[in-house]
């Protein structure tokens, strides 16, 4: 499937124990997992790809919706112009770059690009 600009492309959850989380979703729903080091696992075969990030913090809102856009600088400026606030500036990760923002209600989302 080809990613489209401004579409929801990925969902990311927080997890206390990645090994137990992986076991649970594999056993319950037959999801497939890819390990990306000690703090991140990605899942597939769930209808929408996503991942789990290890955290020791209290999990209040454990889901991060991730949108796709080919031009992060462009969409970042558009978000700021519309009243959004950047909560984590552009950073790289295996497979691309992304940033996080908060909408006017305080919901945090992210935008990623493979560019």
C-alpha atoms as a PDB file:
ATOM      1  CA  UNK A   1       0.000   0.000   0.000  1.00  0.00           C
ATOM      2  CA  UNK A   2       1.359   3.421  -0.942  1.00  0.00           C
ATOM      3  CA  UNK A   3       1.249   6.025   1.833  1.00  0.00           C
ATOM      4  CA  UNK A   4      -0.722   9.172   1.018  1.00  0.00           C
ATOM      5  CA  UNK A   5      -0.024  12.657   2.305  1.00  0.00           C
ATOM      6  CA  UNK A   6      -2.114  13.665   5.323  1.00  0.00           C
ATOM      7  CA  UNK A   7      -3.635  10.178   5.824  1.00  0.00           C
ATOM      8  CA  UNK A   8      -3.425   8.211   9.056  1.00  0.00           C
ATOM      9  CA  UNK A   9      -0.647   5.743   8.381  1.00  0.00           C
ATOM     10  CA  UNK A  10       0.428   4.238  11.706  1.00  0.00           C
ATOM     11  CA  UNK A  11      -0.612   4.035  15.339  1.00  0.00           C
ATOM     12  CA  UNK A  12       1.841   3.851  18.199  1.00  0.00           C
ATOM     13  CA  UNK A  13       1.108   2.648  21.728  1.00  0.00           C
ATOM     14  CA  UNK A  14       3.047   2.813  24.985  1.00  0.00           C
ATOM     15  CA  UNK A  15       3.883  -0.403  26.822  1.00  0.00           C
ATOM     16  CA  UNK A  16       5.435  -1.290  30.168  1.00  0.00           C
ATOM     17  CA  UNK A  17       6.735  -4.731  29.107  1.00  0.00           C
ATOM     18  CA  UNK A  18       7.433  -5.287  25.405  1.00  0.00           C
ATOM     19  CA  UNK A  19       7.948  -9.033  25.740  1.00  0.00           C
ATOM     20  CA  UNK A  20       4.580  -9.501  27.484  1.00  0.00           C
ATOM     21  CA  UNK A  21       2.842  -7.092  25.066  1.00  0.00           C
ATOM     22  CA  UNK A  22       4.208  -8.992  22.085  1.00  0.00           C
ATOM     23  CA  UNK A  23       3.162 -12.345  23.591  1.00  0.00           C
ATOM     24  CA  UNK A  24      -0.352 -11.043  24.279  1.00  0.00           C
ATOM     25  CA  UNK A  25      -1.031  -9.681  20.769  1.00  0.00           C
ATOM     26  CA  UNK A  26       0.591 -12.644  19.019  1.00  0.00           C
ATOM     27  CA  UNK A  27      -1.490 -15.090  21.099  1.00  0.00           C
ATOM     28  CA  UNK A  28      -4.741 -13.137  20.966  1.00  0.00           C
ATOM     29  CA  UNK A  29      -4.796 -11.741  17.429  1.00  0.00           C
ATOM     30  CA  UNK A  30      -1.956 -13.424  15.452  1.00  0.00           C
ATOM     31  CA  UNK A  31      -0.166 -10.111  14.869  1.00  0.00           C
ATOM     32  CA  UNK A  32       3.395 -10.226  13.516  1.00  0.00           C
ATOM     33  CA  UNK A  33       6.194  -8.250  15.186  1.00  0.00           C
ATOM     34  CA  UNK A  34       9.555  -6.757  14.244  1.00  0.00           C
ATOM     35  CA  UNK A  35      11.964  -5.842  17.032  1.00  0.00           C
ATOM     36  CA  UNK A  36      13.794  -2.501  16.766  1.00  0.00           C
ATOM     37  CA  UNK A  37      16.091  -2.649  19.761  1.00  0.00           C
ATOM     38  CA  UNK A  38      15.202  -2.880  23.452  1.00  0.00           C
ATOM     39  CA  UNK A  39      12.603  -0.085  23.475  1.00  0.00           C
ATOM     40  CA  UNK A  40      10.479  -0.582  20.354  1.00  0.00           C
ATOM     41  CA  UNK A  41       8.521  -3.282  18.527  1.00  0.00           C
ATOM     42  CA  UNK A  42       6.489  -2.761  15.350  1.00  0.00           C
ATOM     43  CA  UNK A  43       3.402  -4.800  14.518  1.00  0.00           C
ATOM     44  CA  UNK A  44       1.661  -5.792  11.289  1.00  0.00           C
ATOM     45  CA  UNK A  45      -1.237  -8.022  10.196  1.00  0.00           C
ATOM     46  CA  UNK A  46      -3.594  -5.940  12.359  1.00  0.00           C
ATOM     47  CA  UNK A  47      -5.423  -3.920   9.704  1.00  0.00           C
ATOM     48  CA  UNK A  48      -3.226  -0.862  10.380  1.00  0.00           C
ATOM     49  CA  UNK A  49       0.494  -1.033  11.055  1.00  0.00           C
ATOM     50  CA  UNK A  50       1.854   0.324  14.290  1.00  0.00           C
ATOM     51  CA  UNK A  51       4.197  -0.190  17.173  1.00  0.00           C
ATOM     52  CA  UNK A  52       4.751  -0.261  20.905  1.00  0.00           C
ATOM     53  CA  UNK A  53       7.291   1.992  22.626  1.00  0.00           C
ATOM     54  CA  UNK A  54       8.591   0.945  26.033  1.00  0.00           C
ATOM     55  CA  UNK A  55       7.922   3.409  28.821  1.00  0.00           C
ATOM     56  CA  UNK A  56       8.432   3.432  32.564  1.00  0.00           C
ATOM     57  CA  UNK A  57       6.076   6.393  32.937  1.00  0.00           C
ATOM     58  CA  UNK A  58       2.414   6.115  33.841  1.00  0.00           C
ATOM     59  CA  UNK A  59       0.381   5.471  30.695  1.00  0.00           C
ATOM     60  CA  UNK A  60      -2.438   8.008  30.511  1.00  0.00           C
ATOM     61  CA  UNK A  61      -3.205   8.108  26.793  1.00  0.00           C
ATOM     62  CA  UNK A  62      -1.214   5.250  25.349  1.00  0.00           C
ATOM     63  CA  UNK A  63      -1.994   5.733  21.647  1.00  0.00           C
ATOM     64  CA  UNK A  64      -0.155   8.001  19.229  1.00  0.00           C
ATOM     65  CA  UNK A  65      -1.809   8.390  15.818  1.00  0.00           C
ATOM     66  CA  UNK A  66       0.798   8.899  13.104  1.00  0.00           C
ATOM     67  CA  UNK A  67       0.021  10.574   9.766  1.00  0.00           C
ATOM     68  CA  UNK A  68       2.203  10.439   6.657  1.00  0.00           C
ATOM     69  CA  UNK A  69       3.483  13.349   4.566  1.00  0.00           C
ATOM     70  CA  UNK A  70       6.285  13.439   1.991  1.00  0.00           C
ATOM     71  CA  UNK A  71       7.363  16.964   2.999  1.00  0.00           C
ATOM     72  CA  UNK A  72       7.743  17.307   6.775  1.00  0.00           C
ATOM     73  CA  UNK A  73       8.892  20.939   6.735  1.00  0.00           C
ATOM     74  CA  UNK A  74       5.899  21.963   4.620  1.00  0.00           C
ATOM     75  CA  UNK A  75       3.305  20.170   6.757  1.00  0.00           C
ATOM     76  CA  UNK A  76       4.995  21.302   9.990  1.00  0.00           C
ATOM     77  CA  UNK A  77       4.674  24.949   8.918  1.00  0.00           C
ATOM     78  CA  UNK A  78       1.076  24.355   7.848  1.00  0.00           C
ATOM     79  CA  UNK A  79       0.264  22.859  11.280  1.00  0.00           C
ATOM     80  CA  UNK A  80       1.887  25.801  13.085  1.00  0.00           C
ATOM     81  CA  UNK A  81       0.003  28.238  10.838  1.00  0.00           C
ATOM     82  CA  UNK A  82      -3.275  26.568  11.739  1.00  0.00           C
ATOM     83  CA  UNK A  83      -2.623  26.901  15.474  1.00  0.00           C
ATOM     84  CA  UNK A  84      -0.908  23.601  16.264  1.00  0.00           C
ATOM     85  CA  UNK A  85       2.062  23.423  18.626  1.00  0.00           C
ATOM     86  CA  UNK A  86       5.158  21.332  17.949  1.00  0.00           C
ATOM     87  CA  UNK A  87       5.744  19.040  20.934  1.00  0.00           C
ATOM     88  CA  UNK A  88       8.753  17.136  19.505  1.00  0.00           C
ATOM     89  CA  UNK A  89      10.693  18.629  16.599  1.00  0.00           C
ATOM     90  CA  UNK A  90      11.743  16.636  13.520  1.00  0.00           C
ATOM     91  CA  UNK A  91      13.989  13.691  14.390  1.00  0.00           C
ATOM     92  CA  UNK A  92      15.261  10.649  12.534  1.00  0.00           C
ATOM     93  CA  UNK A  93      14.532   6.973  13.245  1.00  0.00           C
ATOM     94  CA  UNK A  94      15.163   3.760  11.297  1.00  0.00           C
ATOM     95  CA  UNK A  95      13.067   4.245   8.164  1.00  0.00           C
ATOM     96  CA  UNK A  96      12.627   8.005   8.084  1.00  0.00           C
ATOM     97  CA  UNK A  97      11.925  11.168  10.034  1.00  0.00           C
ATOM     98  CA  UNK A  98       9.013  12.448  12.092  1.00  0.00           C
ATOM     99  CA  UNK A  99       7.770  15.123  14.479  1.00  0.00           C
ATOM    100  CA  UNK A 100       4.988  15.373  17.049  1.00  0.00           C
ATOM    101  CA  UNK A 101       2.424  18.136  17.428  1.00  0.00           C
ATOM    102  CA  UNK A 102      -0.542  19.039  19.595  1.00  0.00           C
ATOM    103  CA  UNK A 103      -3.807  20.215  18.109  1.00  0.00           C
ATOM    104  CA  UNK A 104      -5.738  23.121  19.683  1.00  0.00           C
ATOM    105  CA  UNK A 105      -7.468  20.678  22.075  1.00  0.00           C
ATOM    106  CA  UNK A 106      -4.165  19.236  23.284  1.00  0.00           C
ATOM    107  CA  UNK A 107      -4.319  15.917  21.399  1.00  0.00           C
ATOM    108  CA  UNK A 108      -0.829  14.783  20.429  1.00  0.00           C
ATOM    109  CA  UNK A 109      -0.288  13.262  16.991  1.00  0.00           C
ATOM    110  CA  UNK A 110       2.781  12.698  14.825  1.00  0.00           C
ATOM    111  CA  UNK A 111       3.667  13.045  11.149  1.00  0.00           C
ATOM    112  CA  UNK A 112       6.344  10.886   9.525  1.00  0.00           C
ATOM    113  CA  UNK A 113       8.080  10.698   6.165  1.00  0.00           C
ATOM    114  CA  UNK A 114      10.341   8.162   4.542  1.00  0.00           C
ATOM    115  CA  UNK A 115      12.231  11.053   2.915  1.00  0.00           C
END
